[in-house]
Amino acid sequence: DEDHLALFVELVGPVPEVIRNKGTRTKTFFNKAGDLRHIKKLSSWSLPDVLTQKYRMKPELAQSFSTFLSRMLALEPAKRATASQLLQDPWITVDMEEKPPPPPQPVAQNVGHASTAPAL
C-alpha cells in the first residue's frame, strides 16, 4: 500500500493535508509532517518524462497527453476534471485523422519479482 502511495507521490507530488485528514489509515502511512512513514527516499518523475522515457512517446505528444491525464489525476476532487469536462479536452476532441496512434507498451523493466496479479 505504501509503495503505491510512494509511486503516486513521485508522479503528482505530496498528498495535500486536506486529503490526508480525511483518510482512515493516514496515520499508518504518513507522519505529522505529511511524509511517508517508511519510505524516505522518493524520486520525482514528471508525467511527461514517464511517457517519453518509459513509453517512448515523442516529447510533444507526451506533453499534450500528460496535460490531459493530469486533469484526471488531481488529488483534490474539487480540482479534478469531471468526465464531461474531459470529453471536451483537445486530446479527445482532435480529429481522429490528426490524432497520433496510441502509445506503445512500456519498455520491459527488471522488477525482480513475479507478478501476483490474477490472470484475467
Foldseek 3Di string as FASTA:
>chain_A
DLVVVLVLCLEQNFQDPVLLVPDPCSVVAADPVRHGDPDDDGHRDYQLNCCCPFQVDDSVVSVLVSVLVVLCSDNDPVSHDDPVRSCVRCQNPPDPVPHDDDTHDTDDDCPPDDDPDDDD
